[in-house]
Amino acid sequence: MKTLYTAEALATGDGRDGHGRSSDGRLDFDLASPTELGGSGDGTNPEQLFAVGYAACFHSALRLVARQDKADVTDSSVGARVSLGQIDGGGFGLAVELEVTLPNLDHDTAQQLAEKAHQVCPYSNATRGNIEVTLTVSDD
């Protein structure tokens, strides 16, 4: 891989209940486990950060492939749900649901673009074969 950019961040404190900061200081926040996992919920958590990152990255990939196909992606959006659960052997795993909304395209065209984006997106390429990723095209 030819590196184009590298992001750096540091987590301190008690992990999920600690502090996170990017090397440039643009992100600087407290972390807190969600109430569903017995935490206070008074901060963001890694799954929320992953969801925002994946949604933004996938949306960029979607817009890229749409431009190549000269498709109208006005008012498009990508929502991400990241679930944390237990896997066999006592460890933990993630599952992702991506919901793509392309209101100016018919369902079949939107589905084709979403599938093309899934081949281009770095997050999709990183997770492929490692975690379940469900891709849904909304008819809204």
Foldseek 3Di string as FASTA:
>chain_A
DDDDDDWAKDWDDPQQQTWIATPVRPDTWGHWDCVVVVIPNPTHGPQVVVFVVQFVLLVVLLVVVCVVVVHDQVPKGKGKGKDWDADPPGHIDIAMEIEIERAVDDPVVSVVSSVSSLVVRPVSVVCVPPHHYHYHYDND
